Amino acid sequence: VPAKVAFRLESSKQAGLMTVKAQI
C-alpha cells in the first residue's frame, strides 16, 4: 500500500507525558 509516515511531538494534556502525533 503506497503510504508514507511521519510524526511530530507535542505537549500532552496529561502531566508527565508527551503526545506523539503519527501522520500517515
PDBML (XML) file of the C-alpha atoms, coordinates in Angstrom:
<?xml version="1.0" encoding="UTF-8" ?>
<PDBx:datablock datablockName="MODEL"
   xmlns:PDBx="http://pdbml.pdb.org/schema/pdbx-v50.xsd"
   xmlns:xsi="http://www.w3.org/2001/XMLSchema-instance"
   xsi:schemaLocation="http://pdbml.pdb.org/schema/pdbx-v50.xsd pdbx-v50.xsd">
   <PDBx:atom_siteCategory>
      <PDBx:atom_site id="1">
         <PDBx:B_iso_or_equiv>0.00</PDBx:B_iso_or_equiv>
         <PDBx:Cartn_x>0.000</PDBx:Cartn_x>
         <PDBx:Cartn_y>0.000</PDBx:Cartn_y>
         <PDBx:Cartn_z>0.000</PDBx:Cartn_z>
         <PDBx:auth_asym_id>A</PDBx:auth_asym_id>
         <PDBx:auth_atom_id>CA</PDBx:auth_atom_id>
         <PDBx:auth_comp_id>VAL</PDBx:auth_comp_id>
         <PDBx:auth_seq_id>1</PDBx:auth_seq_id>
         <PDBx:group_PDB>ATOM</PDBx:group_PDB>
         <PDBx:label_alt_id xsi:nil="true" />
         <PDBx:label_asym_id>A</PDBx:label_asym_id>
         <PDBx:label_atom_id>CA</PDBx:label_atom_id>
         <PDBx:label_comp_id>VAL</PDBx:label_comp_id>
         <PDBx:label_entity_id>1</PDBx:label_entity_id>
         <PDBx:label_seq_id>1</PDBx:label_seq_id>
         <PDBx:occupancy>1.00</PDBx:occupancy>
         <PDBx:pdbx_PDB_model_num>1</PDBx:pdbx_PDB_model_num>
         <PDBx:type_symbol>C</PDBx:type_symbol>
      </PDBx:atom_site>
      <PDBx:atom_site id="2">
         <PDBx:B_iso_or_equiv>0.00</PDBx:B_iso_or_equiv>
         <PDBx:Cartn_x>1.595</PDBx:Cartn_x>
         <PDBx:Cartn_y>3.357</PDBx:Cartn_y>
         <PDBx:Cartn_z>-1.000</PDBx:Cartn_z>
         <PDBx:auth_asym_id>A</PDBx:auth_asym_id>
         <PDBx:auth_atom_id>CA</PDBx:auth_atom_id>
         <PDBx:auth_comp_id>PRO</PDBx:auth_comp_id>
         <PDBx:auth_seq_id>2</PDBx:auth_seq_id>
         <PDBx:group_PDB>ATOM</PDBx:group_PDB>
         <PDBx:label_alt_id xsi:nil="true" />
         <PDBx:label_asym_id>A</PDBx:label_asym_id>
         <PDBx:label_atom_id>CA</PDBx:label_atom_id>
         <PDBx:label_comp_id>PRO</PDBx:label_comp_id>
         <PDBx:label_entity_id>1</PDBx:label_entity_id>
         <PDBx:label_seq_id>2</PDBx:label_seq_id>
         <PDBx:occupancy>1.00</PDBx:occupancy>
         <PDBx:pdbx_PDB_model_num>1</PDBx:pdbx_PDB_model_num>
         <PDBx:type_symbol>C</PDBx:type_symbol>
      </PDBx:atom_site>
      <PDBx:atom_site id="3">
         <PDBx:B_iso_or_equiv>0.00</PDBx:B_iso_or_equiv>
         <PDBx:Cartn_x>1.872</PDBx:Cartn_x>
         <PDBx:Cartn_y>5.023</PDBx:Cartn_y>
         <PDBx:Cartn_z>2.401</PDBx:Cartn_z>
         <PDBx:auth_asym_id>A</PDBx:auth_asym_id>
         <PDBx:auth_atom_id>CA</PDBx:auth_atom_id>
         <PDBx:auth_comp_id>ALA</PDBx:auth_comp_id>
         <PDBx:auth_seq_id>3</PDBx:auth_seq_id>
         <PDBx:group_PDB>ATOM</PDBx:group_PDB>
         <PDBx:label_alt_id xsi:nil="true" />
         <PDBx:label_asym_id>A</PDBx:label_asym_id>
         <PDBx:label_atom_id>CA</PDBx:label_atom_id>
         <PDBx:label_comp_id>ALA</PDBx:label_comp_id>
         <PDBx:label_entity_id>1</PDBx:label_entity_id>
         <PDBx:label_seq_id>3</PDBx:label_seq_id>
         <PDBx:occupancy>1.00</PDBx:occupancy>
         <PDBx:pdbx_PDB_model_num>1</PDBx:pdbx_PDB_model_num>
         <PDBx:type_symbol>C</PDBx:type_symbol>
      </PDBx:atom_site>
      <PDBx:atom_site id="4">
         <PDBx:B_iso_or_equiv>0.00</PDBx:B_iso_or_equiv>
         <PDBx:Cartn_x>4.316</PDBx:Cartn_x>
         <PDBx:Cartn_y>7.471</PDBx:Cartn_y>
         <PDBx:Cartn_z>3.969</PDBx:Cartn_z>
         <PDBx:auth_asym_id>A</PDBx:auth_asym_id>
         <PDBx:auth_atom_id>CA</PDBx:auth_atom_id>
         <PDBx:auth_comp_id>LYS</PDBx:auth_comp_id>
         <PDBx:auth_seq_id>4</PDBx:auth_seq_id>
         <PDBx:group_PDB>ATOM</PDBx:group_PDB>
         <PDBx:label_alt_id xsi:nil="true" />
         <PDBx:label_asym_id>A</PDBx:label_asym_id>
         <PDBx:label_atom_id>CA</PDBx:label_atom_id>
         <PDBx:label_comp_id>LYS</PDBx:label_comp_id>
         <PDBx:label_entity_id>1</PDBx:label_entity_id>
         <PDBx:label_seq_id>4</PDBx:label_seq_id>
         <PDBx:occupancy>1.00</PDBx:occupancy>
         <PDBx:pdbx_PDB_model_num>1</PDBx:pdbx_PDB_model_num>
         <PDBx:type_symbol>C</PDBx:type_symbol>
      </PDBx:atom_site>
      <PDBx:atom_site id="5">
         <PDBx:B_iso_or_equiv>0.00</PDBx:B_iso_or_equiv>
         <PDBx:Cartn_x>4.644</PDBx:Cartn_x>
         <PDBx:Cartn_y>8.033</PDBx:Cartn_y>
         <PDBx:Cartn_z>7.717</PDBx:Cartn_z>
         <PDBx:auth_asym_id>A</PDBx:auth_asym_id>
         <PDBx:auth_atom_id>CA</PDBx:auth_atom_id>
         <PDBx:auth_comp_id>VAL</PDBx:auth_comp_id>
         <PDBx:auth_seq_id>5</PDBx:auth_seq_id>
         <PDBx:group_PDB>ATOM</PDBx:group_PDB>
         <PDBx:label_alt_id xsi:nil="true" />
         <PDBx:label_asym_id>A</PDBx:label_asym_id>
         <PDBx:label_atom_id>CA</PDBx:label_atom_id>
         <PDBx:label_comp_id>VAL</PDBx:label_comp_id>
         <PDBx:label_entity_id>1</PDBx:label_entity_id>
         <PDBx:label_seq_id>5</PDBx:label_seq_id>
         <PDBx:occupancy>1.00</PDBx:occupancy>
         <PDBx:pdbx_PDB_model_num>1</PDBx:pdbx_PDB_model_num>
         <PDBx:type_symbol>C</PDBx:type_symbol>
      </PDBx:atom_site>
      <PDBx:atom_site id="6">
         <PDBx:B_iso_or_equiv>0.00</PDBx:B_iso_or_equiv>
         <PDBx:Cartn_x>5.934</PDBx:Cartn_x>
         <PDBx:Cartn_y>10.993</PDBx:Cartn_y>
         <PDBx:Cartn_z>9.690</PDBx:Cartn_z>
         <PDBx:auth_asym_id>A</PDBx:auth_asym_id>
         <PDBx:auth_atom_id>CA</PDBx:auth_atom_id>
         <PDBx:auth_comp_id>ALA</PDBx:auth_comp_id>
         <PDBx:auth_seq_id>6</PDBx:auth_seq_id>
         <PDBx:group_PDB>ATOM</PDBx:group_PDB>
         <PDBx:label_alt_id xsi:nil="true" />
         <PDBx:label_asym_id>A</PDBx:label_asym_id>
         <PDBx:label_atom_id>CA</PDBx:label_atom_id>
         <PDBx:label_comp_id>ALA</PDBx:label_comp_id>
         <PDBx:label_entity_id>1</PDBx:label_entity_id>
         <PDBx:label_seq_id>6</PDBx:label_seq_id>
         <PDBx:occupancy>1.00</PDBx:occupancy>
         <PDBx:pdbx_PDB_model_num>1</PDBx:pdbx_PDB_model_num>
         <PDBx:type_symbol>C</PDBx:type_symbol>
      </PDBx:atom_site>
      <PDBx:atom_site id="7">
         <PDBx:B_iso_or_equiv>0.00</PDBx:B_iso_or_equiv>
         <PDBx:Cartn_x>5.467</PDBx:Cartn_x>
         <PDBx:Cartn_y>12.206</PDBx:Cartn_y>
         <PDBx:Cartn_z>13.258</PDBx:Cartn_z>
         <PDBx:auth_asym_id>A</PDBx:auth_asym_id>
         <PDBx:auth_atom_id>CA</PDBx:auth_atom_id>
         <PDBx:auth_comp_id>PHE</PDBx:auth_comp_id>
         <PDBx:auth_seq_id>7</PDBx:auth_seq_id>
         <PDBx:group_PDB>ATOM</PDBx:group_PDB>
         <PDBx:label_alt_id xsi:nil="true" />
         <PDBx:label_asym_id>A</PDBx:label_asym_id>
         <PDBx:label_atom_id>CA</PDBx:label_atom_id>
         <PDBx:label_comp_id>PHE</PDBx:label_comp_id>
         <PDBx:label_entity_id>1</PDBx:label_entity_id>
         <PDBx:label_seq_id>7</PDBx:label_seq_id>
         <PDBx:occupancy>1.00</PDBx:occupancy>
         <PDBx:pdbx_PDB_model_num>1</PDBx:pdbx_PDB_model_num>
         <PDBx:type_symbol>C</PDBx:type_symbol>
      </PDBx:atom_site>
      <PDBx:atom_site id="8">
         <PDBx:B_iso_or_equiv>0.00</PDBx:B_iso_or_equiv>
         <PDBx:Cartn_x>5.826</PDBx:Cartn_x>
         <PDBx:Cartn_y>15.239</PDBx:Cartn_y>
         <PDBx:Cartn_z>15.471</PDBx:Cartn_z>
         <PDBx:auth_asym_id>A</PDBx:auth_asym_id>
         <PDBx:auth_atom_id>CA</PDBx:auth_atom_id>
         <PDBx:auth_comp_id>ARG</PDBx:auth_comp_id>
         <PDBx:auth_seq_id>8</PDBx:auth_seq_id>
         <PDBx:group_PDB>ATOM</PDBx:group_PDB>
         <PDBx:label_alt_id xsi:nil="true" />
         <PDBx:label_asym_id>A</PDBx:label_asym_id>
         <PDBx:label_atom_id>CA</PDBx:label_atom_id>
         <PDBx:label_comp_id>ARG</PDBx:label_comp_id>
         <PDBx:label_entity_id>1</PDBx:label_entity_id>
         <PDBx:label_seq_id>8</PDBx:label_seq_id>
         <PDBx:occupancy>1.00</PDBx:occupancy>
         <PDBx:pdbx_PDB_model_num>1</PDBx:pdbx_PDB_model_num>
         <PDBx:type_symbol>C</PDBx:type_symbol>
      </PDBx:atom_site>
      <PDBx:atom_site id="9">
         <PDBx:B_iso_or_equiv>0.00</PDBx:B_iso_or_equiv>
         <PDBx:Cartn_x>5.926</PDBx:Cartn_x>
         <PDBx:Cartn_y>15.733</PDBx:Cartn_y>
         <PDBx:Cartn_z>19.231</PDBx:Cartn_z>
         <PDBx:auth_asym_id>A</PDBx:auth_asym_id>
         <PDBx:auth_atom_id>CA</PDBx:auth_atom_id>
         <PDBx:auth_comp_id>LEU</PDBx:auth_comp_id>
         <PDBx:auth_seq_id>9</PDBx:auth_seq_id>
         <PDBx:group_PDB>ATOM</PDBx:group_PDB>
         <PDBx:label_alt_id xsi:nil="true" />
         <PDBx:label_asym_id>A</PDBx:label_asym_id>
         <PDBx:label_atom_id>CA</PDBx:label_atom_id>
         <PDBx:label_comp_id>LEU</PDBx:label_comp_id>
         <PDBx:label_entity_id>1</PDBx:label_entity_id>
         <PDBx:label_seq_id>9</PDBx:label_seq_id>
         <PDBx:occupancy>1.00</PDBx:occupancy>
         <PDBx:pdbx_PDB_model_num>1</PDBx:pdbx_PDB_model_num>
         <PDBx:type_symbol>C</PDBx:type_symbol>
      </PDBx:atom_site>
      <PDBx:atom_site id="10">
         <PDBx:B_iso_or_equiv>0.00</PDBx:B_iso_or_equiv>
         <PDBx:Cartn_x>3.622</PDBx:Cartn_x>
         <PDBx:Cartn_y>17.963</PDBx:Cartn_y>
         <PDBx:Cartn_z>21.219</PDBx:Cartn_z>
         <PDBx:auth_asym_id>A</PDBx:auth_asym_id>
         <PDBx:auth_atom_id>CA</PDBx:auth_atom_id>
         <PDBx:auth_comp_id>GLU</PDBx:auth_comp_id>
         <PDBx:auth_seq_id>10</PDBx:auth_seq_id>
         <PDBx:group_PDB>ATOM</PDBx:group_PDB>
         <PDBx:label_alt_id xsi:nil="true" />
         <PDBx:label_asym_id>A</PDBx:label_asym_id>
         <PDBx:label_atom_id>CA</PDBx:label_atom_id>
         <PDBx:label_comp_id>GLU</PDBx:label_comp_id>
         <PDBx:label_entity_id>1</PDBx:label_entity_id>
         <PDBx:label_seq_id>10</PDBx:label_seq_id>
         <PDBx:occupancy>1.00</PDBx:occupancy>
         <PDBx:pdbx_PDB_model_num>1</PDBx:pdbx_PDB_model_num>
         <PDBx:type_symbol>C</PDBx:type_symbol>
      </PDBx:atom_site>
      <PDBx:atom_site id="11">
         <PDBx:B_iso_or_equiv>0.00</PDBx:B_iso_or_equiv>
         <PDBx:Cartn_x>2.890</PDBx:Cartn_x>
         <PDBx:Cartn_y>18.537</PDBx:Cartn_y>
         <PDBx:Cartn_z>24.884</PDBx:Cartn_z>
         <PDBx:auth_asym_id>A</PDBx:auth_asym_id>
         <PDBx:auth_atom_id>CA</PDBx:auth_atom_id>
         <PDBx:auth_comp_id>SER</PDBx:auth_comp_id>
         <PDBx:auth_seq_id>11</PDBx:auth_seq_id>
         <PDBx:group_PDB>ATOM</PDBx:group_PDB>
         <PDBx:label_alt_id xsi:nil="true" />
         <PDBx:label_asym_id>A</PDBx:label_asym_id>
         <PDBx:label_atom_id>CA</PDBx:label_atom_id>
         <PDBx:label_comp_id>SER</PDBx:label_comp_id>
         <PDBx:label_entity_id>1</PDBx:label_entity_id>
         <PDBx:label_seq_id>11</PDBx:label_seq_id>
         <PDBx:occupancy>1.00</PDBx:occupancy>
         <PDBx:pdbx_PDB_model_num>1</PDBx:pdbx_PDB_model_num>
         <PDBx:type_symbol>C</PDBx:type_symbol>
      </PDBx:atom_site>
      <PDBx:atom_site id="12">
         <PDBx:B_iso_or_equiv>0.00</PDBx:B_iso_or_equiv>
         <PDBx:Cartn_x>0.203</PDBx:Cartn_x>
         <PDBx:Cartn_y>16.289</PDBx:Cartn_y>
         <PDBx:Cartn_z>26.285</PDBx:Cartn_z>
         <PDBx:auth_asym_id>A</PDBx:auth_asym_id>
         <PDBx:auth_atom_id>CA</PDBx:auth_atom_id>
         <PDBx:auth_comp_id>SER</PDBx:auth_comp_id>
         <PDBx:auth_seq_id>12</PDBx:auth_seq_id>
         <PDBx:group_PDB>ATOM</PDBx:group_PDB>
         <PDBx:label_alt_id xsi:nil="true" />
         <PDBx:label_asym_id>A</PDBx:label_asym_id>
         <PDBx:label_atom_id>CA</PDBx:label_atom_id>
         <PDBx:label_comp_id>SER</PDBx:label_comp_id>
         <PDBx:label_entity_id>1</PDBx:label_entity_id>
         <PDBx:label_seq_id>12</PDBx:label_seq_id>
         <PDBx:occupancy>1.00</PDBx:occupancy>
         <PDBx:pdbx_PDB_model_num>1</PDBx:pdbx_PDB_model_num>
         <PDBx:type_symbol>C</PDBx:type_symbol>
      </PDBx:atom_site>
      <PDBx:atom_site id="13">
         <PDBx:B_iso_or_equiv>0.00</PDBx:B_iso_or_equiv>
         <PDBx:Cartn_x>-2.708</PDBx:Cartn_x>
         <PDBx:Cartn_y>17.359</PDBx:Cartn_y>
         <PDBx:Cartn_z>28.435</PDBx:Cartn_z>
         <PDBx:auth_asym_id>A</PDBx:auth_asym_id>
         <PDBx:auth_atom_id>CA</PDBx:auth_atom_id>
         <PDBx:auth_comp_id>LYS</PDBx:auth_comp_id>
         <PDBx:auth_seq_id>13</PDBx:auth_seq_id>
         <PDBx:group_PDB>ATOM</PDBx:group_PDB>
         <PDBx:label_alt_id xsi:nil="true" />
         <PDBx:label_asym_id>A</PDBx:label_asym_id>
         <PDBx:label_atom_id>CA</PDBx:label_atom_id>
         <PDBx:label_comp_id>LYS</PDBx:label_comp_id>
         <PDBx:label_entity_id>1</PDBx:label_entity_id>
         <PDBx:label_seq_id>13</PDBx:label_seq_id>
         <PDBx:occupancy>1.00</PDBx:occupancy>
         <PDBx:pdbx_PDB_model_num>1</PDBx:pdbx_PDB_model_num>
         <PDBx:type_symbol>C</PDBx:type_symbol>
      </PDBx:atom_site>
      <PDBx:atom_site id="14">
         <PDBx:B_iso_or_equiv>0.00</PDBx:B_iso_or_equiv>
         <PDBx:Cartn_x>-1.660</PDBx:Cartn_x>
         <PDBx:Cartn_y>14.620</PDBx:Cartn_y>
         <PDBx:Cartn_z>30.855</PDBx:Cartn_z>
         <PDBx:auth_asym_id>A</PDBx:auth_asym_id>
         <PDBx:auth_atom_id>CA</PDBx:auth_atom_id>
         <PDBx:auth_comp_id>GLN</PDBx:auth_comp_id>
         <PDBx:auth_seq_id>14</PDBx:auth_seq_id>
         <PDBx:group_PDB>ATOM</PDBx:group_PDB>
         <PDBx:label_alt_id xsi:nil="true" />
         <PDBx:label_asym_id>A</PDBx:label_asym_id>
         <PDBx:label_atom_id>CA</PDBx:label_atom_id>
         <PDBx:label_comp_id>GLN</PDBx:label_comp_id>
         <PDBx:label_entity_id>1</PDBx:label_entity_id>
         <PDBx:label_seq_id>14</PDBx:label_seq_id>
         <PDBx:occupancy>1.00</PDBx:occupancy>
         <PDBx:pdbx_PDB_model_num>1</PDBx:pdbx_PDB_model_num>
         <PDBx:type_symbol>C</PDBx:type_symbol>
      </PDBx:atom_site>
      <PDBx:atom_site id="15">
         <PDBx:B_iso_or_equiv>0.00</PDBx:B_iso_or_equiv>
         <PDBx:Cartn_x>1.127</PDBx:Cartn_x>
         <PDBx:Cartn_y>15.521</PDBx:Cartn_y>
         <PDBx:Cartn_z>33.277</PDBx:Cartn_z>
         <PDBx:auth_asym_id>A</PDBx:auth_asym_id>
         <PDBx:auth_atom_id>CA</PDBx:auth_atom_id>
         <PDBx:auth_comp_id>ALA</PDBx:auth_comp_id>
         <PDBx:auth_seq_id>15</PDBx:auth_seq_id>
         <PDBx:group_PDB>ATOM</PDBx:group_PDB>
         <PDBx:label_alt_id xsi:nil="true" />
         <PDBx:label_asym_id>A</PDBx:label_asym_id>
         <PDBx:label_atom_id>CA</PDBx:label_atom_id>
         <PDBx:label_comp_id>ALA</PDBx:label_comp_id>
         <PDBx:label_entity_id>1</PDBx:label_entity_id>
         <PDBx:label_seq_id>15</PDBx:label_seq_id>
         <PDBx:occupancy>1.00</PDBx:occupancy>
         <PDBx:pdbx_PDB_model_num>1</PDBx:pdbx_PDB_model_num>
         <PDBx:type_symbol>C</PDBx:type_symbol>
      </PDBx:atom_site>
      <PDBx:atom_site id="16">
         <PDBx:B_iso_or_equiv>0.00</PDBx:B_iso_or_equiv>
         <PDBx:Cartn_x>4.426</PDBx:Cartn_x>
         <PDBx:Cartn_y>13.771</PDBx:Cartn_y>
         <PDBx:Cartn_z>32.665</PDBx:Cartn_z>
         <PDBx:auth_asym_id>A</PDBx:auth_asym_id>
         <PDBx:auth_atom_id>CA</PDBx:auth_atom_id>
         <PDBx:auth_comp_id>GLY</PDBx:auth_comp_id>
         <PDBx:auth_seq_id>16</PDBx:auth_seq_id>
         <PDBx:group_PDB>ATOM</PDBx:group_PDB>
         <PDBx:label_alt_id xsi:nil="true" />
         <PDBx:label_asym_id>A</PDBx:label_asym_id>
         <PDBx:label_atom_id>CA</PDBx:label_atom_id>
         <PDBx:label_comp_id>GLY</PDBx:label_comp_id>
         <PDBx:label_entity_id>1</PDBx:label_entity_id>
         <PDBx:label_seq_id>16</PDBx:label_seq_id>
         <PDBx:occupancy>1.00</PDBx:occupancy>
         <PDBx:pdbx_PDB_model_num>1</PDBx:pdbx_PDB_model_num>
         <PDBx:type_symbol>C</PDBx:type_symbol>
      </PDBx:atom_site>
      <PDBx:atom_site id="17">
         <PDBx:B_iso_or_equiv>0.00</PDBx:B_iso_or_equiv>
         <PDBx:Cartn_x>3.507</PDBx:Cartn_x>
         <PDBx:Cartn_y>12.633</PDBx:Cartn_y>
         <PDBx:Cartn_z>29.152</PDBx:Cartn_z>
         <PDBx:auth_asym_id>A</PDBx:auth_asym_id>
         <PDBx:auth_atom_id>CA</PDBx:auth_atom_id>
         <PDBx:auth_comp_id>LEU</PDBx:auth_comp_id>
         <PDBx:auth_seq_id>17</PDBx:auth_seq_id>
         <PDBx:group_PDB>ATOM</PDBx:group_PDB>
         <PDBx:label_alt_id xsi:nil="true" />
         <PDBx:label_asym_id>A</PDBx:label_asym_id>
         <PDBx:label_atom_id>CA</PDBx:label_atom_id>
         <PDBx:label_comp_id>LEU</PDBx:label_comp_id>
         <PDBx:label_entity_id>1</PDBx:label_entity_id>
         <PDBx:label_seq_id>17</PDBx:label_seq_id>
         <PDBx:occupancy>1.00</PDBx:occupancy>
         <PDBx:pdbx_PDB_model_num>1</PDBx:pdbx_PDB_model_num>
         <PDBx:type_symbol>C</PDBx:type_symbol>
      </PDBx:atom_site>
      <PDBx:atom_site id="18">
         <PDBx:B_iso_or_equiv>0.00</PDBx:B_iso_or_equiv>
         <PDBx:Cartn_x>4.176</PDBx:Cartn_x>
         <PDBx:Cartn_y>13.779</PDBx:Cartn_y>
         <PDBx:Cartn_z>25.618</PDBx:Cartn_z>
         <PDBx:auth_asym_id>A</PDBx:auth_asym_id>
         <PDBx:auth_atom_id>CA</PDBx:auth_atom_id>
         <PDBx:auth_comp_id>MET</PDBx:auth_comp_id>
         <PDBx:auth_seq_id>18</PDBx:auth_seq_id>
         <PDBx:group_PDB>ATOM</PDBx:group_PDB>
         <PDBx:label_alt_id xsi:nil="true" />
         <PDBx:label_asym_id>A</PDBx:label_asym_id>
         <PDBx:label_atom_id>CA</PDBx:label_atom_id>
         <PDBx:label_comp_id>MET</PDBx:label_comp_id>
         <PDBx:label_entity_id>1</PDBx:label_entity_id>
         <PDBx:label_seq_id>18</PDBx:label_seq_id>
         <PDBx:occupancy>1.00</PDBx:occupancy>
         <PDBx:pdbx_PDB_model_num>1</PDBx:pdbx_PDB_model_num>
         <PDBx:type_symbol>C</PDBx:type_symbol>
      </PDBx:atom_site>
      <PDBx:atom_site id="19">
         <PDBx:B_iso_or_equiv>0.00</PDBx:B_iso_or_equiv>
         <PDBx:Cartn_x>1.971</PDBx:Cartn_x>
         <PDBx:Cartn_y>13.278</PDBx:Cartn_y>
         <PDBx:Cartn_z>22.573</PDBx:Cartn_z>
         <PDBx:auth_asym_id>A</PDBx:auth_asym_id>
         <PDBx:auth_atom_id>CA</PDBx:auth_atom_id>
         <PDBx:auth_comp_id>THR</PDBx:auth_comp_id>
         <PDBx:auth_seq_id>19</PDBx:auth_seq_id>
         <PDBx:group_PDB>ATOM</PDBx:group_PDB>
         <PDBx:label_alt_id xsi:nil="true" />
         <PDBx:label_asym_id>A</PDBx:label_asym_id>
         <PDBx:label_atom_id>CA</PDBx:label_atom_id>
         <PDBx:label_comp_id>THR</PDBx:label_comp_id>
         <PDBx:label_entity_id>1</PDBx:label_entity_id>
         <PDBx:label_seq_id>19</PDBx:label_seq_id>
         <PDBx:occupancy>1.00</PDBx:occupancy>
         <PDBx:pdbx_PDB_model_num>1</PDBx:pdbx_PDB_model_num>
         <PDBx:type_symbol>C</PDBx:type_symbol>
      </PDBx:atom_site>
      <PDBx:atom_site id="20">
         <PDBx:B_iso_or_equiv>0.00</PDBx:B_iso_or_equiv>
         <PDBx:Cartn_x>3.424</PDBx:Cartn_x>
         <PDBx:Cartn_y>11.560</PDBx:Cartn_y>
         <PDBx:Cartn_z>19.535</PDBx:Cartn_z>
         <PDBx:auth_asym_id>A</PDBx:auth_asym_id>
         <PDBx:auth_atom_id>CA</PDBx:auth_atom_id>
         <PDBx:auth_comp_id>VAL</PDBx:auth_comp_id>
         <PDBx:auth_seq_id>20</PDBx:auth_seq_id>
         <PDBx:group_PDB>ATOM</PDBx:group_PDB>
         <PDBx:label_alt_id xsi:nil="true" />
         <PDBx:label_asym_id>A</PDBx:label_asym_id>
         <PDBx:label_atom_id>CA</PDBx:label_atom_id>
         <PDBx:label_comp_id>VAL</PDBx:label_comp_id>
         <PDBx:label_entity_id>1</PDBx:label_entity_id>
         <PDBx:label_seq_id>20</PDBx:label_seq_id>
         <PDBx:occupancy>1.00</PDBx:occupancy>
         <PDBx:pdbx_PDB_model_num>1</PDBx:pdbx_PDB_model_num>
         <PDBx:type_symbol>C</PDBx:type_symbol>
      </PDBx:atom_site>
      <PDBx:atom_site id="21">
         <PDBx:B_iso_or_equiv>0.00</PDBx:B_iso_or_equiv>
         <PDBx:Cartn_x>1.327</PDBx:Cartn_x>
         <PDBx:Cartn_y>12.589</PDBx:Cartn_y>
         <PDBx:Cartn_z>16.533</PDBx:Cartn_z>
         <PDBx:auth_asym_id>A</PDBx:auth_asym_id>
         <PDBx:auth_atom_id>CA</PDBx:auth_atom_id>
         <PDBx:auth_comp_id>LYS</PDBx:auth_comp_id>
         <PDBx:auth_seq_id>21</PDBx:auth_seq_id>
         <PDBx:group_PDB>ATOM</PDBx:group_PDB>
         <PDBx:label_alt_id xsi:nil="true" />
         <PDBx:label_asym_id>A</PDBx:label_asym_id>
         <PDBx:label_atom_id>CA</PDBx:label_atom_id>
         <PDBx:label_comp_id>LYS</PDBx:label_comp_id>
         <PDBx:label_entity_id>1</PDBx:label_entity_id>
         <PDBx:label_seq_id>21</PDBx:label_seq_id>
         <PDBx:occupancy>1.00</PDBx:occupancy>
         <PDBx:pdbx_PDB_model_num>1</PDBx:pdbx_PDB_model_num>
         <PDBx:type_symbol>C</PDBx:type_symbol>
      </PDBx:atom_site>
      <PDBx:atom_site id="22">
         <PDBx:B_iso_or_equiv>0.00</PDBx:B_iso_or_equiv>
         <PDBx:Cartn_x>1.690</PDBx:Cartn_x>
         <PDBx:Cartn_y>9.919</PDBx:Cartn_y>
         <PDBx:Cartn_z>13.860</PDBx:Cartn_z>
         <PDBx:auth_asym_id>A</PDBx:auth_asym_id>
         <PDBx:auth_atom_id>CA</PDBx:auth_atom_id>
         <PDBx:auth_comp_id>ALA</PDBx:auth_comp_id>
         <PDBx:auth_seq_id>22</PDBx:auth_seq_id>
         <PDBx:group_PDB>ATOM</PDBx:group_PDB>
         <PDBx:label_alt_id xsi:nil="true" />
         <PDBx:label_asym_id>A</PDBx:label_asym_id>
         <PDBx:label_atom_id>CA</PDBx:label_atom_id>
         <PDBx:label_comp_id>ALA</PDBx:label_comp_id>
         <PDBx:label_entity_id>1</PDBx:label_entity_id>
         <PDBx:label_seq_id>22</PDBx:label_seq_id>
         <PDBx:occupancy>1.00</PDBx:occupancy>
         <PDBx:pdbx_PDB_model_num>1</PDBx:pdbx_PDB_model_num>
         <PDBx:type_symbol>C</PDBx:type_symbol>
      </PDBx:atom_site>
      <PDBx:atom_site id="23">
         <PDBx:B_iso_or_equiv>0.00</PDBx:B_iso_or_equiv>
         <PDBx:Cartn_x>0.803</PDBx:Cartn_x>
         <PDBx:Cartn_y>11.259</PDBx:Cartn_y>
         <PDBx:Cartn_z>10.413</PDBx:Cartn_z>
         <PDBx:auth_asym_id>A</PDBx:auth_asym_id>
         <PDBx:auth_atom_id>CA</PDBx:auth_atom_id>
         <PDBx:auth_comp_id>GLN</PDBx:auth_comp_id>
         <PDBx:auth_seq_id>23</PDBx:auth_seq_id>
         <PDBx:group_PDB>ATOM</PDBx:group_PDB>
         <PDBx:label_alt_id xsi:nil="true" />
         <PDBx:label_asym_id>A</PDBx:label_asym_id>
         <PDBx:label_atom_id>CA</PDBx:label_atom_id>
         <PDBx:label_comp_id>GLN</PDBx:label_comp_id>
         <PDBx:label_entity_id>1</PDBx:label_entity_id>
         <PDBx:label_seq_id>23</PDBx:label_seq_id>
         <PDBx:occupancy>1.00</PDBx:occupancy>
         <PDBx:pdbx_PDB_model_num>1</PDBx:pdbx_PDB_model_num>
         <PDBx:type_symbol>C</PDBx:type_symbol>
      </PDBx:atom_site>
      <PDBx:atom_site id="24">
         <PDBx:B_iso_or_equiv>0.00</PDBx:B_iso_or_equiv>
         <PDBx:Cartn_x>0.047</PDBx:Cartn_x>
         <PDBx:Cartn_y>8.768</PDBx:Cartn_y>
         <PDBx:Cartn_z>7.641</PDBx:Cartn_z>
         <PDBx:auth_asym_id>A</PDBx:auth_asym_id>
         <PDBx:auth_atom_id>CA</PDBx:auth_atom_id>
         <PDBx:auth_comp_id>ILE</PDBx:auth_comp_id>
         <PDBx:auth_seq_id>24</PDBx:auth_seq_id>
         <PDBx:group_PDB>ATOM</PDBx:group_PDB>
         <PDBx:label_alt_id xsi:nil="true" />
         <PDBx:label_asym_id>A</PDBx:label_asym_id>
         <PDBx:label_atom_id>CA</PDBx:label_atom_id>
         <PDBx:label_comp_id>ILE</PDBx:label_comp_id>
         <PDBx:label_entity_id>1</PDBx:label_entity_id>
         <PDBx:label_seq_id>24</PDBx:label_seq_id>
         <PDBx:occupancy>1.00</PDBx:occupancy>
         <PDBx:pdbx_PDB_model_num>1</PDBx:pdbx_PDB_model_num>
         <PDBx:type_symbol>C</PDBx:type_symbol>
      </PDBx:atom_site>
   </PDBx:atom_siteCategory>
</PDBx:datablock>
